[in-house]
Each structure stands twice: as C-alpha cells, then as structure tokens.
Amino acid sequence: MTFRAKHLLGIEPLKPDDIREILDLADQYVDLNRGAVKHSDALAGLTQINMFFENSTRTQASFELAGKRLGADVMNMAMQASSIKKGETLIDTALTLNAMHPDLLVVRHPHSGAVDLLAQKVNCAVLNAGDGRHEHPTQALLDALTIRRAKGRLHRLSIAICGDIAHSRVARSNIILLGKMENRVRLVGPPTLVPGQFAEFGCEVYDDMAEGLKDVDVVMMLRLQRERMDGGFIPSEREYYHRYGLDAEKLAHAKPDAIVMHPGPMNRGVEIDGEIADDINRSVIQEQVEMGVAVRMAAMDLLARNLRERADGGVMV
C-alpha cells in the first residue's frame, strides 16, 4: 500500500501512485455496490461524523452511504443549527469533537482552509468535502474514475473544463489531478469567470466554445455558482447559455466519442441542454454519482487502514 496519508484535504499533496491506488480500490467498491450484498466490514467499529457547514444533498448522502456500506457508525451533525451559530469558534468545535473520539471526520465548509485548520486540531482522519474555493478532492477523484472507466485510461487525454472556473473548487481539484496524470487541460468560459492565473497550472484558456472543444475527449461542464458571485460576471443567464451552454451544436466540435460530465446540481438550459445531459451515449453524469459512493468508500477505507496501523504501533491489523 503506497497511500500513507493521515487526511484527505486536497489533491495537491497526492502523488500519481496515490491517485491510482484510490481509484483501483474504488473499482472494487463499484463491483460491491452493484452486487446483491452491498456491505463490507472495512470500517467496522469506527465512528464517522459528517459536518456540513454548507448544504449539499448529494455529497453528504454519498459520504453517509459510503460509511454505512463499510460498517461505520455514521452521525450527521446539523451544523446550520449548531453551536457555531451561537458563536462557538471552529477550534472549540474541534476540541468538542475530539472528546467524542471519532475516527473519521467529513467536513464541508464555506471558507478555504477551514478544513485544514480542523485537521490540525483533531486526532482523527479528516476528509475535505469541499472548502470555499479551495478544493473538493473526492469530486476530482470520482471524475477521474468516471473518465478512466469510460476511456480506458487516465493519461494523455484532451479535457475541456467549461464555465464558472473562478468560483469552482471542483475545477481547481480537477485541474491539479488531471495535470498530475499527464492530460491536456483546456479551460473554456467568459474572461470574467476564467482567471488568468490558471494558465500557471499549464492549462490552455479559451473564451470561445467552438475553439475550446475542438477534438477534446472529455467535456466537463461546471455549475454557474450564483451563491458565490458578488458582481456582474455574466450579462444574463440567457446570454450565458447562448455562448457557453453545452448544446448539440457546440458538442459537435468535440470528438465523436467525447463524454459529457457535470458535477451537479445542474442548471438545465443555463450550463447544459437537457437533451445532452440525458443522452445515454454521451453523458456520464449519472455514472459520476455512482462513482462518488465508490470513491468515498475507497478513500475512507485507506485512511482507516492508516489510522489502525498508527494505533497498532506500525503493524497492520
């Protein structure tokens, strides 16, 4: 086992071998999840706490299902009604959690770096379920697994990430992961939503969909994040769809076997045409949801193995 991390806070610290190990184990969990008996005892006897300071139906449900299928005791903390609202600091929350002796802590937070701060103050393994505009590592991993299963490989592909790059932690994590795996990454969107600094990651930047999608293997659309916008980034949603929404005409510039992705939730008729989203020959959006459970099972399994090894003084149990 090469994956030795204590936490999963981002893609940045991971080596290509770490990524492959998570994806290989996730492949096994896809098979388990498709079987008649969907349970394992990999997390038996361990406690998983989900702390979502931001709402997220699919990510929270995915982590909860992943933990339960692995045999963990899973608790969801309602952070919107928690002591945080009464003025408790994040560090006080961490100390309170420590006293409960959890083994796995899954955290989503609106501020970049908050999950890392928590990880420094608790004794358990921490998984970042999204922090501000920083990272969303398990989303990038599930996207990677979806691409690898659809294309048979995860290297030397041409991948276009389109739309609201500026506000997207999903985009950031994917850019880092796809770069580590030697892919050609294009960013496509209006200049207001594709900051120039992303060129430093080795990405090609386009403000025209026809040019940006030319001969790509993968088209990854992003949600227009209205809740993170505080200015006039787009003239109107109608104009945005006309120029940057994925429809059959724009998709025709990609390779004939190009797959279409979206992290969800989708704004149909804004980022993507409904017929494209539902096209079983091109869209892998539902597969992304399925891969999400398997990837989160794999990540928690590997972190739990490391946790047990450290508790056992360096001997695997």
C-alpha atoms as a PDB file:
ATOM      1  CA  MET A   1       0.000   0.000   0.000  1.00  0.00           C
ATOM      2  CA  THR A   2       1.544   3.305  -1.070  1.00  0.00           C
ATOM      3  CA  PHE A   3      -1.194   5.623   0.234  1.00  0.00           C
ATOM      4  CA  ARG A   4       0.099   6.739   3.637  1.00  0.00           C
ATOM      5  CA  ALA A   5      -1.766   9.987   4.235  1.00  0.00           C
ATOM      6  CA  LYS A   6      -3.416  10.756   7.564  1.00  0.00           C
ATOM      7  CA  HIS A   7      -6.037  13.040   5.951  1.00  0.00           C
ATOM      8  CA  LEU A   8      -7.506  13.720   2.523  1.00  0.00           C
ATOM      9  CA  LEU A   9      -7.521  17.523   2.415  1.00  0.00           C
ATOM     10  CA  GLY A  10      -6.783  18.083  -1.254  1.00  0.00           C
ATOM     11  CA  ILE A  11      -5.382  16.624  -4.461  1.00  0.00           C
ATOM     12  CA  GLU A  12      -2.241  18.751  -4.295  1.00  0.00           C
ATOM     13  CA  PRO A  13      -0.319  16.522  -1.805  1.00  0.00           C
ATOM     14  CA  LEU A  14      -1.171  13.283  -3.649  1.00  0.00           C
ATOM     15  CA  LYS A  15       1.289  11.500  -5.911  1.00  0.00           C
ATOM     16  CA  PRO A  16       0.114   9.792  -9.118  1.00  0.00           C
ATOM     17  CA  ASP A  17       0.528   6.404  -7.379  1.00  0.00           C
ATOM     18  CA  ASP A  18      -1.735   7.591  -4.532  1.00  0.00           C
ATOM     19  CA  ILE A  19      -4.391   8.578  -7.054  1.00  0.00           C
ATOM     20  CA  ARG A  20      -4.122   5.228  -8.834  1.00  0.00           C
ATOM     21  CA  GLU A  21      -4.382   3.323  -5.542  1.00  0.00           C
ATOM     22  CA  ILE A  22      -7.585   5.144  -4.537  1.00  0.00           C
ATOM     23  CA  LEU A  23      -9.091   4.561  -7.995  1.00  0.00           C
ATOM     24  CA  ASP A  24      -8.096   0.888  -8.092  1.00  0.00           C
ATOM     25  CA  LEU A  25      -9.758   0.245  -4.738  1.00  0.00           C
ATOM     26  CA  ALA A  26     -12.788   2.298  -5.806  1.00  0.00           C
ATOM     27  CA  ASP A  27     -13.140  -0.002  -8.835  1.00  0.00           C
ATOM     28  CA  GLN A  28     -13.538  -2.913  -6.416  1.00  0.00           C
ATOM     29  CA  TYR A  29     -16.189  -0.986  -4.481  1.00  0.00           C
ATOM     30  CA  VAL A  30     -18.110  -0.301  -7.706  1.00  0.00           C
ATOM     31  CA  ASP A  31     -18.430  -4.088  -8.082  1.00  0.00           C
ATOM     32  CA  LEU A  32     -19.518  -4.435  -4.441  1.00  0.00           C
ATOM     33  CA  ASN A  33     -22.138  -1.696  -4.816  1.00  0.00           C
ATOM     34  CA  ARG A  34     -23.570  -3.397  -7.894  1.00  0.00           C
ATOM     35  CA  GLY A  35     -23.868  -6.748  -6.111  1.00  0.00           C
ATOM     36  CA  ALA A  36     -26.748  -8.190  -4.130  1.00  0.00           C
ATOM     37  CA  VAL A  37     -24.900  -7.675  -0.810  1.00  0.00           C
ATOM     38  CA  LYS A  38     -23.519  -4.150  -0.633  1.00  0.00           C
ATOM     39  CA  HIS A  39     -21.791  -4.267   2.727  1.00  0.00           C
ATOM     40  CA  SER A  40     -18.204  -4.625   3.884  1.00  0.00           C
ATOM     41  CA  ASP A  41     -16.700  -4.526   7.380  1.00  0.00           C
ATOM     42  CA  ALA A  42     -13.756  -2.261   6.437  1.00  0.00           C
ATOM     43  CA  LEU A  43     -14.896   0.430   8.922  1.00  0.00           C
ATOM     44  CA  ALA A  44     -16.497  -1.885  11.469  1.00  0.00           C
ATOM     45  CA  GLY A  45     -16.153  -0.474  14.975  1.00  0.00           C
ATOM     46  CA  LEU A  46     -15.234   3.013  13.709  1.00  0.00           C
ATOM     47  CA  THR A  47     -17.230   6.229  14.027  1.00  0.00           C
ATOM     48  CA  GLN A  48     -17.718   8.664  11.151  1.00  0.00           C
ATOM     49  CA  ILE A  49     -19.039  12.182  11.761  1.00  0.00           C
ATOM     50  CA  ASN A  50     -20.279  14.290   8.834  1.00  0.00           C
ATOM     51  CA  MET A  51     -20.079  18.050   9.471  1.00  0.00           C
ATOM     52  CA  PHE A  52     -21.566  20.088   6.627  1.00  0.00           C
ATOM     53  CA  PHE A  53     -21.441  23.832   7.256  1.00  0.00           C
ATOM     54  CA  GLU A  54     -22.800  24.237   3.709  1.00  0.00           C
ATOM     55  CA  ASN A  55     -25.778  22.356   2.320  1.00  0.00           C
ATOM     56  CA  SER A  56     -25.041  19.544  -0.103  1.00  0.00           C
ATOM     57  CA  THR A  57     -27.575  16.832  -0.734  1.00  0.00           C
ATOM     58  CA  ARG A  58     -25.524  14.586  -2.997  1.00  0.00           C
ATOM     59  CA  THR A  59     -22.100  14.832  -1.337  1.00  0.00           C
ATOM     60  CA  GLN A  60     -23.453  14.326   2.178  1.00  0.00           C
ATOM     61  CA  ALA A  61     -25.714  11.449   1.090  1.00  0.00           C
ATOM     62  CA  SER A  62     -22.797   9.868  -0.771  1.00  0.00           C
ATOM     63  CA  PHE A  63     -20.455  10.028   2.250  1.00  0.00           C
ATOM     64  CA  GLU A  64     -23.191   8.747   4.566  1.00  0.00           C
ATOM     65  CA  LEU A  65     -23.991   5.810   2.300  1.00  0.00           C
ATOM     66  CA  ALA A  66     -20.284   5.059   1.826  1.00  0.00           C
ATOM     67  CA  GLY A  67     -19.681   4.935   5.582  1.00  0.00           C
ATOM     68  CA  LYS A  68     -22.708   2.752   6.266  1.00  0.00           C
ATOM     69  CA  ARG A  69     -21.818   0.305   3.499  1.00  0.00           C
ATOM     70  CA  LEU A  70     -18.374  -0.067   5.096  1.00  0.00           C
ATOM     71  CA  GLY A  71     -19.871  -0.781   8.511  1.00  0.00           C
ATOM     72  CA  ALA A  72     -19.103   2.514  10.294  1.00  0.00           C
ATOM     73  CA  ASP A  73     -21.322   4.185  12.880  1.00  0.00           C
ATOM     74  CA  VAL A  74     -22.304   7.341  10.968  1.00  0.00           C
ATOM     75  CA  MET A  75     -23.533  10.549  12.563  1.00  0.00           C
ATOM     76  CA  ASN A  76     -24.634  13.672  10.686  1.00  0.00           C
ATOM     77  CA  MET A  77     -24.234  16.901  12.630  1.00  0.00           C
ATOM     78  CA  ALA A  78     -26.709  19.661  11.724  1.00  0.00           C
ATOM     79  CA  MET A  79     -24.197  22.499  11.593  1.00  0.00           C
ATOM     80  CA  GLN A  80     -26.791  25.078  10.487  1.00  0.00           C
ATOM     81  CA  ALA A  81     -28.402  24.721  13.924  1.00  0.00           C
ATOM     82  CA  SER A  82     -25.210  24.051  15.861  1.00  0.00           C
ATOM     83  CA  SER A  83     -23.185  25.933  18.464  1.00  0.00           C
ATOM     84  CA  ILE A  84     -21.296  27.619  15.612  1.00  0.00           C
ATOM     85  CA  LYS A  85     -24.408  29.724  15.143  1.00  0.00           C
ATOM     86  CA  LYS A  86     -24.198  30.631  18.829  1.00  0.00           C
ATOM     87  CA  GLY A  87     -20.664  31.954  18.459  1.00  0.00           C
ATOM     88  CA  GLU A  88     -18.511  28.881  19.062  1.00  0.00           C
ATOM     89  CA  THR A  89     -15.179  29.005  17.220  1.00  0.00           C
ATOM     90  CA  LEU A  90     -14.033  26.314  14.846  1.00  0.00           C
ATOM     91  CA  ILE A  91     -11.237  25.369  17.252  1.00  0.00           C
ATOM     92  CA  ASP A  92     -13.710  24.953  20.132  1.00  0.00           C
ATOM     93  CA  THR A  93     -15.789  22.752  17.869  1.00  0.00           C
ATOM     94  CA  ALA A  94     -12.673  20.682  17.122  1.00  0.00           C
ATOM     95  CA  LEU A  95     -11.944  20.252  20.840  1.00  0.00           C
ATOM     96  CA  THR A  96     -15.537  19.175  21.453  1.00  0.00           C
ATOM     97  CA  LEU A  97     -15.289  16.635  18.645  1.00  0.00           C
ATOM     98  CA  ASN A  98     -12.005  15.299  19.994  1.00  0.00           C
ATOM     99  CA  ALA A  99     -13.738  14.489  23.262  1.00  0.00           C
ATOM    100  CA  MET A 100     -16.172  12.257  21.330  1.00  0.00           C
ATOM    101  CA  HIS A 101     -13.288  10.191  19.849  1.00  0.00           C
ATOM    102  CA  PRO A 102     -14.461   9.954  16.225  1.00  0.00           C
ATOM    103  CA  ASP A 103     -12.279   8.058  13.754  1.00  0.00           C
ATOM    104  CA  LEU A 104     -13.304   9.782  10.522  1.00  0.00           C
ATOM    105  CA  LEU A 105     -14.464  13.368  10.146  1.00  0.00           C
ATOM    106  CA  VAL A 106     -16.015  14.533   6.868  1.00  0.00           C
ATOM    107  CA  VAL A 107     -16.175  18.338   6.625  1.00  0.00           C
ATOM    108  CA  ARG A 108     -17.632  20.810   4.138  1.00  0.00           C
ATOM    109  CA  HIS A 109     -17.083  24.482   4.930  1.00  0.00           C
ATOM    110  CA  PRO A 110     -17.681  27.780   3.067  1.00  0.00           C
ATOM    111  CA  HIS A 111     -14.205  29.134   3.898  1.00  0.00           C
ATOM    112  CA  SER A 112     -10.996  27.991   2.218  1.00  0.00           C
ATOM    113  CA  GLY A 113      -8.562  26.491   4.723  1.00  0.00           C
ATOM    114  CA  ALA A 114     -11.153  25.783   7.433  1.00  0.00           C
ATOM    115  CA  VAL A 115     -10.958  22.014   6.924  1.00  0.00           C
ATOM    116  CA  ASP A 116      -7.163  22.111   7.131  1.00  0.00           C
ATOM    117  CA  LEU A 117      -7.418  24.052  10.408  1.00  0.00           C
ATOM    118  CA  LEU A 118      -9.765  21.431  11.851  1.00  0.00           C
ATOM    119  CA  ALA A 119      -7.410  18.648  10.760  1.00  0.00           C
ATOM    120  CA  GLN A 120      -4.595  20.249  12.770  1.00  0.00           C
ATOM    121  CA  LYS A 121      -6.701  20.193  15.947  1.00  0.00           C
ATOM    122  CA  VAL A 122      -8.291  16.726  15.920  1.00  0.00           C
ATOM    123  CA  ASN A 123      -6.842  13.266  16.417  1.00  0.00           C
ATOM    124  CA  CYS A 124      -8.895  11.510  13.732  1.00  0.00           C
ATOM    125  CA  ALA A 125      -8.685  11.268   9.941  1.00  0.00           C
ATOM    126  CA  VAL A 126     -10.276  14.257   8.159  1.00  0.00           C
ATOM    127  CA  LEU A 127     -11.762  14.250   4.665  1.00  0.00           C
ATOM    128  CA  ASN A 128     -12.369  17.523   2.870  1.00  0.00           C
ATOM    129  CA  ALA A 129     -15.858  17.523   1.305  1.00  0.00           C
ATOM    130  CA  GLY A 130     -15.255  20.999  -0.132  1.00  0.00           C
ATOM    131  CA  ASP A 131     -13.808  24.164   1.427  1.00  0.00           C
ATOM    132  CA  GLY A 132     -14.619  27.539  -0.100  1.00  0.00           C
ATOM    133  CA  ARG A 133     -12.952  27.981  -3.476  1.00  0.00           C
ATOM    134  CA  HIS A 134     -10.007  25.826  -2.441  1.00  0.00           C
ATOM    135  CA  GLU A 135     -10.515  22.106  -3.144  1.00  0.00           C
ATOM    136  CA  HIS A 136     -13.040  19.273  -3.429  1.00  0.00           C
ATOM    137  CA  PRO A 137     -10.740  16.236  -3.668  1.00  0.00           C
ATOM    138  CA  THR A 138     -13.278  13.402  -3.725  1.00  0.00           C
ATOM    139  CA  GLN A 139     -15.175  15.089  -6.580  1.00  0.00           C
ATOM    140  CA  ALA A 140     -11.987  15.185  -8.673  1.00  0.00           C
ATOM    141  CA  LEU A 141     -11.282  11.546  -7.803  1.00  0.00           C
ATOM    142  CA  LEU A 142     -14.771  10.404  -8.766  1.00  0.00           C
ATOM    143  CA  ASP A 143     -14.473  12.392 -12.000  1.00  0.00           C
ATOM    144  CA  ALA A 144     -11.131  10.678 -12.647  1.00  0.00           C
ATOM    145  CA  LEU A 145     -12.637   7.239 -12.037  1.00  0.00           C
ATOM    146  CA  THR A 146     -15.543   8.037 -14.375  1.00  0.00           C
ATOM    147  CA  ILE A 147     -13.128   9.141 -17.119  1.00  0.00           C
ATOM    148  CA  ARG A 148     -10.845   6.120 -16.641  1.00  0.00           C
ATOM    149  CA  ARG A 149     -13.745   3.673 -16.855  1.00  0.00           C
ATOM    150  CA  ALA A 150     -15.252   5.391 -19.915  1.00  0.00           C
ATOM    151  CA  LYS A 151     -11.997   5.929 -21.803  1.00  0.00           C
ATOM    152  CA  GLY A 152      -9.905   3.007 -20.555  1.00  0.00           C
ATOM    153  CA  ARG A 153      -7.141   5.320 -19.354  1.00  0.00           C
ATOM    154  CA  LEU A 154      -6.466   8.496 -17.379  1.00  0.00           C
ATOM    155  CA  HIS A 155      -3.473   9.951 -19.190  1.00  0.00           C
ATOM    156  CA  ARG A 156      -2.800  11.865 -22.406  1.00  0.00           C
ATOM    157  CA  LEU A 157      -6.424  12.804 -22.908  1.00  0.00           C
ATOM    158  CA  SER A 158      -7.650  16.220 -24.020  1.00  0.00           C
ATOM    159  CA  ILE A 159     -10.130  17.517 -21.450  1.00  0.00           C
ATOM    160  CA  ALA A 160     -12.137  20.758 -21.567  1.00  0.00           C
ATOM    161  CA  ILE A 161     -13.434  22.200 -18.278  1.00  0.00           C
ATOM    162  CA  CYS A 162     -16.098  24.761 -19.141  1.00  0.00           C
ATOM    163  CA  GLY A 163     -17.951  27.545 -17.370  1.00  0.00           C
ATOM    164  CA  ASP A 164     -17.539  29.087 -13.931  1.00  0.00           C
ATOM    165  CA  ILE A 165     -13.880  28.256 -13.265  1.00  0.00           C
ATOM    166  CA  ALA A 166     -13.369  31.248 -10.951  1.00  0.00           C
ATOM    167  CA  HIS A 167     -15.691  30.078  -8.179  1.00  0.00           C
ATOM    168  CA  SER A 168     -15.195  26.326  -8.580  1.00  0.00           C
ATOM    169  CA  ARG A 169     -13.223  24.193  -6.138  1.00  0.00           C
ATOM    170  CA  VAL A 170     -14.232  21.251  -8.371  1.00  0.00           C
ATOM    171  CA  ALA A 171     -12.357  22.858 -11.268  1.00  0.00           C
ATOM    172  CA  ARG A 172      -9.288  23.526  -9.129  1.00  0.00           C
ATOM    173  CA  SER A 173      -9.079  19.934  -7.849  1.00  0.00           C
ATOM    174  CA  ASN A 174      -9.655  18.529 -11.334  1.00  0.00           C
ATOM    175  CA  ILE A 175      -7.015  20.791 -12.889  1.00  0.00           C
ATOM    176  CA  ILE A 176      -4.456  19.578 -10.336  1.00  0.00           C
ATOM    177  CA  LEU A 177      -5.376  15.889 -10.654  1.00  0.00           C
ATOM    178  CA  LEU A 178      -5.593  15.819 -14.449  1.00  0.00           C
ATOM    179  CA  GLY A 179      -2.282  17.663 -14.677  1.00  0.00           C
ATOM    180  CA  LYS A 180      -0.585  15.110 -12.408  1.00  0.00           C
ATOM    181  CA  MET A 181      -1.868  12.327 -14.696  1.00  0.00           C
ATOM    182  CA  GLU A 182      -0.372  13.954 -17.847  1.00  0.00           C
ATOM    183  CA  ASN A 183      -3.552  15.171 -19.512  1.00  0.00           C
ATOM    184  CA  ARG A 184      -4.027  18.232 -21.696  1.00  0.00           C
ATOM    185  CA  VAL A 185      -6.447  20.519 -19.873  1.00  0.00           C
ATOM    186  CA  ARG A 186      -8.369  23.354 -21.539  1.00  0.00           C
ATOM    187  CA  LEU A 187     -10.392  25.941 -19.636  1.00  0.00           C
ATOM    188  CA  VAL A 188     -13.294  27.457 -21.533  1.00  0.00           C
ATOM    189  CA  GLY A 189     -15.517  30.320 -20.396  1.00  0.00           C
ATOM    190  CA  PRO A 190     -16.023  34.083 -20.344  1.00  0.00           C
ATOM    191  CA  PRO A 191     -12.914  36.038 -19.228  1.00  0.00           C
ATOM    192  CA  THR A 192     -14.805  37.150 -16.094  1.00  0.00           C
ATOM    193  CA  LEU A 193     -15.090  33.502 -14.993  1.00  0.00           C
ATOM    194  CA  VAL A 194     -11.682  32.162 -16.096  1.00  0.00           C
ATOM    195  CA  PRO A 195      -8.973  33.971 -14.115  1.00  0.00           C
ATOM    196  CA  GLY A 196      -5.623  34.333 -15.855  1.00  0.00           C
ATOM    197  CA  GLN A 197      -3.688  32.639 -13.036  1.00  0.00           C
ATOM    198  CA  PHE A 198      -4.983  29.237 -14.118  1.00  0.00           C
ATOM    199  CA  ALA A 199      -2.572  29.397 -17.068  1.00  0.00           C
ATOM    200  CA  GLU A 200       0.151  28.850 -14.421  1.00  0.00           C
ATOM    201  CA  PHE A 201      -1.227  25.319 -13.961  1.00  0.00           C
ATOM    202  CA  GLY A 202      -0.281  24.577 -17.571  1.00  0.00           C
ATOM    203  CA  CYS A 203      -3.843  24.924 -18.876  1.00  0.00           C
ATOM    204  CA  GLU A 204      -4.876  26.359 -22.219  1.00  0.00           C
ATOM    205  CA  VAL A 205      -7.503  29.103 -21.850  1.00  0.00           C
ATOM    206  CA  TYR A 206     -10.283  29.796 -24.376  1.00  0.00           C
ATOM    207  CA  ASP A 207     -13.237  32.185 -24.377  1.00  0.00           C
ATOM    208  CA  ASP A 208     -14.860  30.514 -27.389  1.00  0.00           C
ATOM    209  CA  MET A 209     -16.605  27.128 -27.034  1.00  0.00           C
ATOM    210  CA  ALA A 210     -16.012  26.043 -30.657  1.00  0.00           C
ATOM    211  CA  GLU A 211     -12.248  26.547 -30.300  1.00  0.00           C
ATOM    212  CA  GLY A 212     -12.074  25.186 -26.752  1.00  0.00           C
ATOM    213  CA  LEU A 213     -13.979  21.982 -27.506  1.00  0.00           C
ATOM    214  CA  LYS A 214     -12.204  21.181 -30.788  1.00  0.00           C
ATOM    215  CA  ASP A 215     -11.245  17.474 -30.783  1.00  0.00           C
ATOM    216  CA  VAL A 216     -11.442  17.009 -26.995  1.00  0.00           C
ATOM    217  CA  ASP A 217     -12.066  13.583 -25.407  1.00  0.00           C
ATOM    218  CA  VAL A 218     -13.948  14.904 -22.378  1.00  0.00           C
ATOM    219  CA  VAL A 219     -16.274  17.887 -21.908  1.00  0.00           C
ATOM    220  CA  MET A 220     -16.672  18.761 -18.225  1.00  0.00           C
ATOM    221  CA  MET A 221     -19.336  21.394 -17.598  1.00  0.00           C
ATOM    222  CA  LEU A 222     -19.467  23.328 -14.328  1.00  0.00           C
ATOM    223  CA  ARG A 223     -22.360  24.756 -12.362  1.00  0.00           C
ATOM    224  CA  LEU A 224     -22.822  28.512 -12.518  1.00  0.00           C
ATOM    225  CA  GLN A 225     -22.309  29.314  -8.831  1.00  0.00           C
ATOM    226  CA  ARG A 226     -24.679  32.196  -8.274  1.00  0.00           C
ATOM    227  CA  GLU A 227     -24.289  31.974  -4.479  1.00  0.00           C
ATOM    228  CA  ARG A 228     -20.555  32.801  -4.718  1.00  0.00           C
ATOM    229  CA  MET A 229     -20.967  35.698  -7.136  1.00  0.00           C
ATOM    230  CA  ASP A 230     -20.994  39.260  -5.860  1.00  0.00           C
ATOM    231  CA  GLY A 231     -20.841  41.158  -9.158  1.00  0.00           C
ATOM    232  CA  GLY A 232     -21.826  41.217 -12.803  1.00  0.00           C
ATOM    233  CA  PHE A 233     -19.872  38.203 -14.031  1.00  0.00           C
ATOM    234  CA  ILE A 234     -22.343  37.460 -16.841  1.00  0.00           C
ATOM    235  CA  PRO A 235     -24.795  39.757 -18.677  1.00  0.00           C
ATOM    236  CA  SER A 236     -27.698  37.294 -18.262  1.00  0.00           C
ATOM    237  CA  GLU A 237     -28.284  33.556 -17.959  1.00  0.00           C
ATOM    238  CA  ARG A 238     -29.885  33.572 -21.403  1.00  0.00           C
ATOM    239  CA  GLU A 239     -26.790  35.160 -22.952  1.00  0.00           C
ATOM    240  CA  TYR A 240     -24.542  32.790 -20.986  1.00  0.00           C
ATOM    241  CA  TYR A 241     -26.386  29.759 -22.352  1.00  0.00           C
ATOM    242  CA  HIS A 242     -26.194  31.115 -25.882  1.00  0.00           C
ATOM    243  CA  ARG A 243     -22.412  31.477 -25.701  1.00  0.00           C
ATOM    244  CA  TYR A 244     -21.280  28.869 -23.171  1.00  0.00           C
ATOM    245  CA  GLY A 245     -24.138  26.455 -22.506  1.00  0.00           C
ATOM    246  CA  LEU A 246     -23.436  22.992 -23.929  1.00  0.00           C
ATOM    247  CA  ASP A 247     -25.796  22.051 -26.745  1.00  0.00           C
ATOM    248  CA  ALA A 248     -25.551  19.685 -29.732  1.00  0.00           C
ATOM    249  CA  GLU A 249     -24.039  22.360 -31.977  1.00  0.00           C
ATOM    250  CA  LYS A 250     -21.171  23.125 -29.575  1.00  0.00           C
ATOM    251  CA  LEU A 251     -20.618  19.462 -28.672  1.00  0.00           C
ATOM    252  CA  ALA A 252     -20.166  18.664 -32.367  1.00  0.00           C
ATOM    253  CA  HIS A 253     -16.717  20.315 -32.179  1.00  0.00           C
ATOM    254  CA  ALA A 254     -15.511  17.641 -29.724  1.00  0.00           C
ATOM    255  CA  LYS A 255     -14.502  14.140 -30.802  1.00  0.00           C
ATOM    256  CA  PRO A 256     -17.463  11.954 -31.860  1.00  0.00           C
ATOM    257  CA  ASP A 257     -16.919   9.691 -28.824  1.00  0.00           C
ATOM    258  CA  ALA A 258     -16.326  12.540 -26.340  1.00  0.00           C
ATOM    259  CA  ILE A 259     -18.078  12.098 -22.989  1.00  0.00           C
ATOM    260  CA  VAL A 260     -20.036  14.841 -21.205  1.00  0.00           C
ATOM    261  CA  MET A 261     -19.691  15.419 -17.445  1.00  0.00           C
ATOM    262  CA  HIS A 262     -21.238  17.713 -14.831  1.00  0.00           C
ATOM    263  CA  PRO A 263     -20.630  17.631 -11.042  1.00  0.00           C
ATOM    264  CA  GLY A 264     -24.229  18.630 -10.289  1.00  0.00           C
ATOM    265  CA  PRO A 265     -26.591  20.003  -9.406  1.00  0.00           C
ATOM    266  CA  MET A 266     -27.279  21.075 -12.994  1.00  0.00           C
ATOM    267  CA  ASN A 267     -28.972  24.261 -14.139  1.00  0.00           C
ATOM    268  CA  ARG A 268     -30.575  22.887 -17.290  1.00  0.00           C
ATOM    269  CA  GLY A 269     -30.886  25.469 -20.030  1.00  0.00           C
ATOM    270  CA  VAL A 270     -28.104  27.540 -18.426  1.00  0.00           C
ATOM    271  CA  GLU A 271     -24.953  25.369 -18.435  1.00  0.00           C
ATOM    272  CA  ILE A 272     -26.224  22.415 -20.414  1.00  0.00           C
ATOM    273  CA  ASP A 273     -29.082  21.440 -22.692  1.00  0.00           C
ATOM    274  CA  GLY A 274     -31.386  18.861 -21.109  1.00  0.00           C
ATOM    275  CA  GLU A 275     -31.187  16.517 -24.097  1.00  0.00           C
ATOM    276  CA  ILE A 276     -27.379  16.445 -23.897  1.00  0.00           C
ATOM    277  CA  ALA A 277     -27.478  15.826 -20.138  1.00  0.00           C
ATOM    278  CA  ASP A 278     -29.800  12.849 -20.657  1.00  0.00           C
ATOM    279  CA  ASP A 279     -28.087  11.392 -23.740  1.00  0.00           C
ATOM    280  CA  ILE A 280     -27.063   7.885 -22.643  1.00  0.00           C
ATOM    281  CA  ASN A 281     -24.498   7.679 -25.452  1.00  0.00           C
ATOM    282  CA  ARG A 282     -22.589  10.817 -24.435  1.00  0.00           C
ATOM    283  CA  SER A 283     -23.487  11.801 -20.872  1.00  0.00           C
ATOM    284  CA  VAL A 284     -21.809  10.075 -17.901  1.00  0.00           C
ATOM    285  CA  ILE A 285     -23.428  12.351 -15.315  1.00  0.00           C
ATOM    286  CA  GLN A 286     -25.293   9.509 -13.579  1.00  0.00           C
ATOM    287  CA  GLU A 287     -22.121   7.401 -13.609  1.00  0.00           C
ATOM    288  CA  GLN A 288     -20.375  10.250 -11.762  1.00  0.00           C
ATOM    289  CA  VAL A 289     -22.940   9.954  -8.959  1.00  0.00           C
ATOM    290  CA  GLU A 290     -22.401   6.189  -8.782  1.00  0.00           C
ATOM    291  CA  MET A 291     -18.604   6.543  -8.780  1.00  0.00           C
ATOM    292  CA  GLY A 292     -18.884   9.076  -5.957  1.00  0.00           C
ATOM    293  CA  VAL A 293     -20.023   6.450  -3.452  1.00  0.00           C
ATOM    294  CA  ALA A 294     -17.270   4.020  -4.509  1.00  0.00           C
ATOM    295  CA  VAL A 295     -14.504   6.650  -4.389  1.00  0.00           C
ATOM    296  CA  ARG A 296     -15.572   7.852  -0.940  1.00  0.00           C
ATOM    297  CA  MET A 297     -15.643   4.253   0.289  1.00  0.00           C
ATOM    298  CA  ALA A 298     -12.111   3.749  -1.034  1.00  0.00           C
ATOM    299  CA  ALA A 299     -10.778   6.988   0.494  1.00  0.00           C
ATOM    300  CA  MET A 300     -12.245   6.227   3.930  1.00  0.00           C
ATOM    301  CA  ASP A 301     -11.060   2.617   3.786  1.00  0.00           C
ATOM    302  CA  LEU A 302      -7.462   3.665   3.036  1.00  0.00           C
ATOM    303  CA  LEU A 303      -7.447   6.383   5.711  1.00  0.00           C
ATOM    304  CA  ALA A 304      -8.880   3.908   8.236  1.00  0.00           C
ATOM    305  CA  ARG A 305      -6.130   1.391   7.415  1.00  0.00           C
ATOM    306  CA  ASN A 306      -3.513   4.063   8.102  1.00  0.00           C
ATOM    307  CA  LEU A 307      -5.337   5.045  11.294  1.00  0.00           C
ATOM    308  CA  ARG A 308      -5.315   1.452  12.554  1.00  0.00           C
ATOM    309  CA  GLU A 309      -1.692   0.961  11.592  1.00  0.00           C
ATOM    310  CA  ARG A 310      -0.622   4.007  13.587  1.00  0.00           C
ATOM    311  CA  ALA A 311      -2.733   2.929  16.561  1.00  0.00           C
ATOM    312  CA  ASP A 312      -1.139  -0.502  16.410  1.00  0.00           C
ATOM    313  CA  GLY A 313       2.370   0.912  16.551  1.00  0.00           C
ATOM    314  CA  GLY A 314       3.202   0.486  12.898  1.00  0.00           C
ATOM    315  CA  VAL A 315       1.894  -3.056  12.446  1.00  0.00           C
ATOM    316  CA  MET A 316      -1.012  -3.553  10.031  1.00  0.00           C
ATOM    317  CA  VAL A 317      -4.127  -5.055  11.584  1.00  0.00           C
END
